[in-house]
């Protein structure tokens, strides 16, 4: 009989089929800090003429 447990054989088969996992990415490398100006980004101010673009309404979608 085999000396090797079934778990080890399955792990070896998985490793042969899929290879190794990619290297871990540190949290610091995934985030970026950027300064923001007063009031947020430009163009985010409320515009009543274009406010209807940001709401979903079936009547508007169907042009009723």
PDB file of N, CA and C in Angstrom:
ATOM      1  N   UNK A   1       0.826  -1.172   0.000  1.00  0.00           N
ATOM      2  CA  UNK A   1       0.000   0.000   0.000  1.00  0.00           C
ATOM      3  C   UNK A   1       0.877   1.245   0.000  1.00  0.00           C
ATOM      4  N   UNK A   2       0.309   2.394  -0.369  1.00  0.00           N
ATOM      5  CA  UNK A   2       1.071   3.633  -0.433  1.00  0.00           C
ATOM      6  C   UNK A   2       1.298   4.196   0.959  1.00  0.00           C
ATOM      7  N   UNK A   3       2.474   4.775   1.172  1.00  0.00           N
ATOM      8  CA  UNK A   3       2.771   5.430   2.443  1.00  0.00           C
ATOM      9  C   UNK A   3       2.134   6.821   2.496  1.00  0.00           C
ATOM     10  N   UNK A   4       1.874   7.366   1.344  1.00  0.00           N
ATOM     11  CA  UNK A   4       1.416   8.741   1.239  1.00  0.00           C
ATOM     12  C   UNK A   4      -0.101   8.821   1.428  1.00  0.00           C
ATOM     13  N   UNK A   5      -0.579   9.664   2.333  1.00  0.00           N
ATOM     14  CA  UNK A   5      -2.033   9.815   2.518  1.00  0.00           C
ATOM     15  C   UNK A   5      -2.696  10.410   1.278  1.00  0.00           C
ATOM     16  N   UNK A   6      -3.985  10.200   1.170  1.00  0.00           N
ATOM     17  CA  UNK A   6      -4.732  10.679   0.005  1.00  0.00           C
ATOM     18  C   UNK A   6      -4.720  12.197  -0.076  1.00  0.00           C
ATOM     19  N   UNK A   7      -4.690  12.893   1.085  1.00  0.00           N
ATOM     20  CA  UNK A   7      -4.675  14.356   1.073  1.00  0.00           C
ATOM     21  C   UNK A   7      -3.417  14.883   0.399  1.00  0.00           C
ATOM     22  N   UNK A   8      -2.281  14.274   0.669  1.00  0.00           N
ATOM     23  CA  UNK A   8      -1.027  14.721   0.061  1.00  0.00           C
ATOM     24  C   UNK A   8      -1.036  14.483  -1.440  1.00  0.00           C
ATOM     25  N   UNK A   9      -1.582  13.356  -1.865  1.00  0.00           N
ATOM     26  CA  UNK A   9      -1.638  13.089  -3.302  1.00  0.00           C
ATOM     27  C   UNK A   9      -2.569  14.077  -3.993  1.00  0.00           C
ATOM     28  N   UNK A  10      -3.677  14.395  -3.342  1.00  0.00           N
ATOM     29  CA  UNK A  10      -4.610  15.369  -3.918  1.00  0.00           C
ATOM     30  C   UNK A  10      -3.968  16.746  -3.978  1.00  0.00           C
ATOM     31  N   UNK A  11      -3.228  17.118  -2.943  1.00  0.00           N
ATOM     32  CA  UNK A  11      -2.555  18.418  -2.932  1.00  0.00           C
ATOM     33  C   UNK A  11      -1.503  18.485  -4.037  1.00  0.00           C
ATOM     34  N   UNK A  12      -0.784  17.411  -4.235  1.00  0.00           N
ATOM     35  CA  UNK A  12       0.226  17.389  -5.311  1.00  0.00           C
ATOM     36  C   UNK A  12      -0.443  17.484  -6.676  1.00  0.00           C
ATOM     37  N   UNK A  13      -1.555  16.796  -6.852  1.00  0.00           N
ATOM     38  CA  UNK A  13      -2.268  16.861  -8.132  1.00  0.00           C
ATOM     39  C   UNK A  13      -2.791  18.272  -8.379  1.00  0.00           C
ATOM     40  N   UNK A  14      -3.327  18.931  -7.334  1.00  0.00           N
ATOM     41  CA  UNK A  14      -3.798  20.306  -7.460  1.00  0.00           C
ATOM     42  C   UNK A  14      -2.660  21.240  -7.815  1.00  0.00           C
ATOM     43  N   UNK A  15      -1.531  21.072  -7.146  1.00  0.00           N
ATOM     44  CA  UNK A  15      -0.372  21.929  -7.396  1.00  0.00           C
ATOM     45  C   UNK A  15       0.139  21.740  -8.816  1.00  0.00           C
ATOM     46  N   UNK A  16       0.137  20.502  -9.301  1.00  0.00           N
ATOM     47  CA  UNK A  16       0.589  20.235 -10.662  1.00  0.00           C
ATOM     48  C   UNK A  16      -0.375  20.833 -11.685  1.00  0.00           C
ATOM     49  N   UNK A  17      -1.660  20.807 -11.376  1.00  0.00           N
ATOM     50  CA  UNK A  17      -2.642  21.303 -12.331  1.00  0.00           C
ATOM     51  C   UNK A  17      -2.741  22.817 -12.338  1.00  0.00           C
ATOM     52  N   UNK A  18      -2.780  23.434 -11.166  1.00  0.00           N
ATOM     53  CA  UNK A  18      -3.025  24.869 -11.079  1.00  0.00           C
ATOM     54  C   UNK A  18      -1.784  25.697 -10.778  1.00  0.00           C
ATOM     55  N   UNK A  19      -0.721  25.100 -10.355  1.00  0.00           N
ATOM     56  CA  UNK A  19       0.482  25.852 -10.018  1.00  0.00           C
ATOM     57  C   UNK A  19       0.360  26.490  -8.654  1.00  0.00           C
ATOM     58  N   UNK A  20       1.133  27.521  -8.427  1.00  0.00           N
ATOM     59  CA  UNK A  20       1.160  28.191  -7.124  1.00  0.00           C
ATOM     60  C   UNK A  20       0.272  29.429  -7.153  1.00  0.00           C
ATOM     61  N   UNK A  21      -0.140  29.863  -5.983  1.00  0.00           N
ATOM     62  CA  UNK A  21      -0.910  31.090  -5.866  1.00  0.00           C
ATOM     63  C   UNK A  21      -0.007  32.290  -6.135  1.00  0.00           C
ATOM     64  N   UNK A  22      -0.558  33.389  -6.627  1.00  0.00           N
ATOM     65  CA  UNK A  22       0.259  34.586  -6.822  1.00  0.00           C
ATOM     66  C   UNK A  22       0.715  35.146  -5.478  1.00  0.00           C
ATOM     67  N   UNK A  23       1.750  35.929  -5.524  1.00  0.00           N
ATOM     68  CA  UNK A  23       2.288  36.525  -4.296  1.00  0.00           C
ATOM     69  C   UNK A  23       1.250  37.458  -3.681  1.00  0.00           C
ATOM     70  N   UNK A  24       1.238  37.546  -2.367  1.00  0.00           N
ATOM     71  CA  UNK A  24       0.294  38.421  -1.675  1.00  0.00           C
ATOM     72  C   UNK A  24       0.647  39.884  -1.932  1.00  0.00           C
ATOM     73  N   UNK A  25      -0.385  40.711  -1.979  1.00  0.00           N
ATOM     74  CA  UNK A  25      -0.193  42.145  -2.169  1.00  0.00           C
ATOM     75  C   UNK A  25      -0.500  42.823  -0.845  1.00  0.00           C
ATOM     76  N   UNK A  26       0.405  43.658  -0.414  1.00  0.00           N
ATOM     77  CA  UNK A  26       0.197  44.363   0.852  1.00  0.00           C
ATOM     78  C   UNK A  26      -0.910  45.395   0.699  1.00  0.00           C
ATOM     79  N   UNK A  27      -1.597  45.683   1.787  1.00  0.00           N
ATOM     80  CA  UNK A  27      -2.684  46.663   1.768  1.00  0.00           C
ATOM     81  C   UNK A  27      -2.157  48.039   1.363  1.00  0.00           C
ATOM     82  N   UNK A  28      -0.975  48.376   1.806  1.00  0.00           N
ATOM     83  CA  UNK A  28      -0.389  49.676   1.477  1.00  0.00           C
ATOM     84  C   UNK A  28      -0.177  49.824  -0.029  1.00  0.00           C
ATOM     85  N   UNK A  29       0.078  48.712  -0.710  1.00  0.00           N
ATOM     86  CA  UNK A  29       0.283  48.768  -2.154  1.00  0.00           C
ATOM     87  C   UNK A  29      -1.037  48.856  -2.925  1.00  0.00           C
ATOM     88  N   UNK A  30      -2.155  48.519  -2.273  1.00  0.00           N
ATOM     89  CA  UNK A  30      -3.449  48.548  -2.948  1.00  0.00           C
ATOM     90  C   UNK A  30      -4.161  49.891  -2.797  1.00  0.00           C
ATOM     91  N   UNK A  31      -3.708  50.722  -1.900  1.00  0.00           N
ATOM     92  CA  UNK A  31      -4.374  51.996  -1.659  1.00  0.00           C
ATOM     93  C   UNK A  31      -3.481  53.151  -2.089  1.00  0.00           C
ATOM     94  N   UNK A  32      -4.109  54.247  -2.394  1.00  0.00           N
ATOM     95  CA  UNK A  32      -3.362  55.432  -2.791  1.00  0.00           C
ATOM     96  C   UNK A  32      -4.012  56.640  -2.133  1.00  0.00           C
ATOM     97  N   UNK A  33      -3.218  57.482  -1.571  1.00  0.00           N
ATOM     98  CA  UNK A  33      -3.725  58.703  -0.965  1.00  0.00           C
ATOM     99  C   UNK A  33      -3.480  59.860  -1.912  1.00  0.00           C
ATOM    100  N   UNK A  34      -4.521  60.644  -2.110  1.00  0.00           N
ATOM    101  CA  UNK A  34      -4.406  61.814  -2.973  1.00  0.00           C
ATOM    102  C   UNK A  34      -5.088  62.987  -2.282  1.00  0.00           C
ATOM    103  N   UNK A  35      -4.480  64.145  -2.353  1.00  0.00           N
ATOM    104  CA  UNK A  35      -5.111  65.305  -1.726  1.00  0.00           C
ATOM    105  C   UNK A  35      -6.363  65.716  -2.497  1.00  0.00           C
ATOM    106  N   UNK A  36      -7.336  66.210  -1.772  1.00  0.00           N
ATOM    107  CA  UNK A  36      -8.540  66.707  -2.434  1.00  0.00           C
ATOM    108  C   UNK A  36      -8.692  68.187  -2.111  1.00  0.00           C
ATOM    109  N   UNK A  37      -9.268  68.869  -3.034  1.00  0.00           N
ATOM    110  CA  UNK A  37      -9.468  70.300  -2.852  1.00  0.00           C
ATOM    111  C   UNK A  37     -10.687  70.562  -2.003  1.00  0.00           C
ATOM    112  N   UNK A  38     -10.898  71.812  -1.663  1.00  0.00           N
ATOM    113  CA  UNK A  38     -12.084  72.142  -0.868  1.00  0.00           C
ATOM    114  C   UNK A  38     -13.358  71.885  -1.671  1.00  0.00           C
ATOM    115  N   UNK A  39     -14.329  71.259  -1.047  1.00  0.00           N
ATOM    116  CA  UNK A  39     -15.593  70.991  -1.719  1.00  0.00           C
ATOM    117  C   UNK A  39     -15.566  69.759  -2.600  1.00  0.00           C
ATOM    118  N   UNK A  40     -14.530  68.972  -2.561  1.00  0.00           N
ATOM    119  CA  UNK A  40     -14.475  67.768  -3.376  1.00  0.00           C
ATOM    120  C   UNK A  40     -13.986  68.047  -4.783  1.00  0.00           C
ATOM    121  N   UNK A  41     -14.206  67.104  -5.657  1.00  0.00           N
ATOM    122  CA  UNK A  41     -13.736  67.219  -7.036  1.00  0.00           C
ATOM    123  C   UNK A  41     -14.597  68.210  -7.816  1.00  0.00           C
ATOM    124  N   UNK A  42     -14.021  68.777  -8.833  1.00  0.00           N
ATOM    125  CA  UNK A  42     -14.750  69.730  -9.673  1.00  0.00           C
ATOM    126  C   UNK A  42     -15.824  68.982 -10.450  1.00  0.00           C
ATOM    127  N   UNK A  43     -16.940  69.629 -10.651  1.00  0.00           N
ATOM    128  CA  UNK A  43     -18.016  69.018 -11.424  1.00  0.00           C
ATOM    129  C   UNK A  43     -18.955  68.168 -10.604  1.00  0.00           C
ATOM    130  N   UNK A  44     -18.785  68.127  -9.292  1.00  0.00           N
ATOM    131  CA  UNK A  44     -19.678  67.324  -8.463  1.00  0.00           C
ATOM    132  C   UNK A  44     -20.739  68.177  -7.780  1.00  0.00           C
ATOM    133  N   UNK A  45     -20.777  69.446  -8.084  1.00  0.00           N
ATOM    134  CA  UNK A  45     -21.769  70.329  -7.471  1.00  0.00           C
ATOM    135  C   UNK A  45     -23.157  69.987  -8.011  1.00  0.00           C
ATOM    136  N   UNK A  46     -24.164  70.270  -7.236  1.00  0.00           N
ATOM    137  CA  UNK A  46     -25.541  69.995  -7.637  1.00  0.00           C
ATOM    138  C   UNK A  46     -25.946  70.899  -8.789  1.00  0.00           C
ATOM    139  N   UNK A  47     -26.456  70.303  -9.849  1.00  0.00           N
ATOM    140  CA  UNK A  47     -26.928  71.040 -11.013  1.00  0.00           C
ATOM    141  C   UNK A  47     -28.396  70.675 -11.229  1.00  0.00           C
ATOM    142  N   UNK A  48     -29.324  71.569 -10.899  1.00  0.00           N
ATOM    143  CA  UNK A  48     -30.746  71.215 -11.002  1.00  0.00           C
ATOM    144  C   UNK A  48     -31.191  70.913 -12.434  1.00  0.00           C
ATOM    145  N   UNK A  49     -30.505  71.435 -13.432  1.00  0.00           N
ATOM    146  CA  UNK A  49     -30.878  71.173 -14.818  1.00  0.00           C
ATOM    147  C   UNK A  49     -30.578  69.727 -15.223  1.00  0.00           C
ATOM    148  N   UNK A  50     -29.562  69.134 -14.614  1.00  0.00           N
ATOM    149  CA  UNK A  50     -29.174  67.772 -14.972  1.00  0.00           C
ATOM    150  C   UNK A  50     -29.473  66.761 -13.874  1.00  0.00           C
ATOM    151  N   UNK A  51     -30.203  67.159 -12.849  1.00  0.00           N
ATOM    152  CA  UNK A  51     -30.477  66.278 -11.721  1.00  0.00           C
ATOM    153  C   UNK A  51     -31.294  65.060 -12.135  1.00  0.00           C
ATOM    154  N   UNK A  52     -32.131  65.178 -13.140  1.00  0.00           N
ATOM    155  CA  UNK A  52     -32.963  64.053 -13.567  1.00  0.00           C
ATOM    156  C   UNK A  52     -32.132  62.903 -14.121  1.00  0.00           C
ATOM    157  N   UNK A  53     -30.896  63.157 -14.526  1.00  0.00           N
ATOM    158  CA  UNK A  53     -30.033  62.103 -15.065  1.00  0.00           C
ATOM    159  C   UNK A  53     -29.631  61.078 -14.018  1.00  0.00           C
ATOM    160  N   UNK A  54     -29.747  61.427 -12.761  1.00  0.00           N
ATOM    161  CA  UNK A  54     -29.218  60.567 -11.705  1.00  0.00           C
ATOM    162  C   UNK A  54     -30.287  59.744 -11.005  1.00  0.00           C
ATOM    163  N   UNK A  55     -31.509  59.791 -11.468  1.00  0.00           N
ATOM    164  CA  UNK A  55     -32.575  59.040 -10.832  1.00  0.00           C
ATOM    165  C   UNK A  55     -33.165  58.058 -11.835  1.00  0.00           C
ATOM    166  N   UNK A  56     -33.486  56.876 -11.370  1.00  0.00           N
ATOM    167  CA  UNK A  56     -34.140  55.885 -12.224  1.00  0.00           C
ATOM    168  C   UNK A  56     -35.638  56.010 -12.048  1.00  0.00           C
ATOM    169  N   UNK A  57     -36.314  56.155 -13.143  1.00  0.00           N
ATOM    170  CA  UNK A  57     -37.768  56.264 -13.118  1.00  0.00           C
ATOM    171  C   UNK A  57     -38.284  55.594 -14.378  1.00  0.00           C
ATOM    172  N   UNK A  58     -39.170  54.627 -14.213  1.00  0.00           N
ATOM    173  CA  UNK A  58     -39.692  53.909 -15.366  1.00  0.00           C
ATOM    174  C   UNK A  58     -40.416  54.841 -16.323  1.00  0.00           C
ATOM    175  N   UNK A  59     -41.141  55.796 -15.793  1.00  0.00           N
ATOM    176  CA  UNK A  59     -41.856  56.735 -16.661  1.00  0.00           C
ATOM    177  C   UNK A  59     -40.871  57.540 -17.521  1.00  0.00           C
ATOM    178  N   UNK A  60     -39.762  57.954 -16.936  1.00  0.00           N
ATOM    179  CA  UNK A  60     -38.759  58.698 -17.698  1.00  0.00           C
ATOM    180  C   UNK A  60     -38.088  57.781 -18.711  1.00  0.00           C
ATOM    181  N   UNK A  61     -37.785  56.541 -18.298  1.00  0.00           N
ATOM    182  CA  UNK A  61     -37.138  55.596 -19.214  1.00  0.00           C
ATOM    183  C   UNK A  61     -38.016  55.303 -20.433  1.00  0.00           C
ATOM    184  N   UNK A  62     -39.327  55.259 -20.225  1.00  0.00           N
ATOM    185  CA  UNK A  62     -40.244  54.973 -21.318  1.00  0.00           C
ATOM    186  C   UNK A  62     -40.714  56.227 -22.045  1.00  0.00           C
ATOM    187  N   UNK A  63     -40.182  57.367 -21.642  1.00  0.00           N
ATOM    188  CA  UNK A  63     -40.523  58.665 -22.236  1.00  0.00           C
ATOM    189  C   UNK A  63     -42.017  58.930 -22.135  1.00  0.00           C
ATOM    190  N   UNK A  64     -42.591  58.649 -20.977  1.00  0.00           N
ATOM    191  CA  UNK A  64     -44.026  58.899 -20.774  1.00  0.00           C
ATOM    192  C   UNK A  64     -44.257  60.276 -20.226  1.00  0.00           C
TER     193      UNK A  64
END
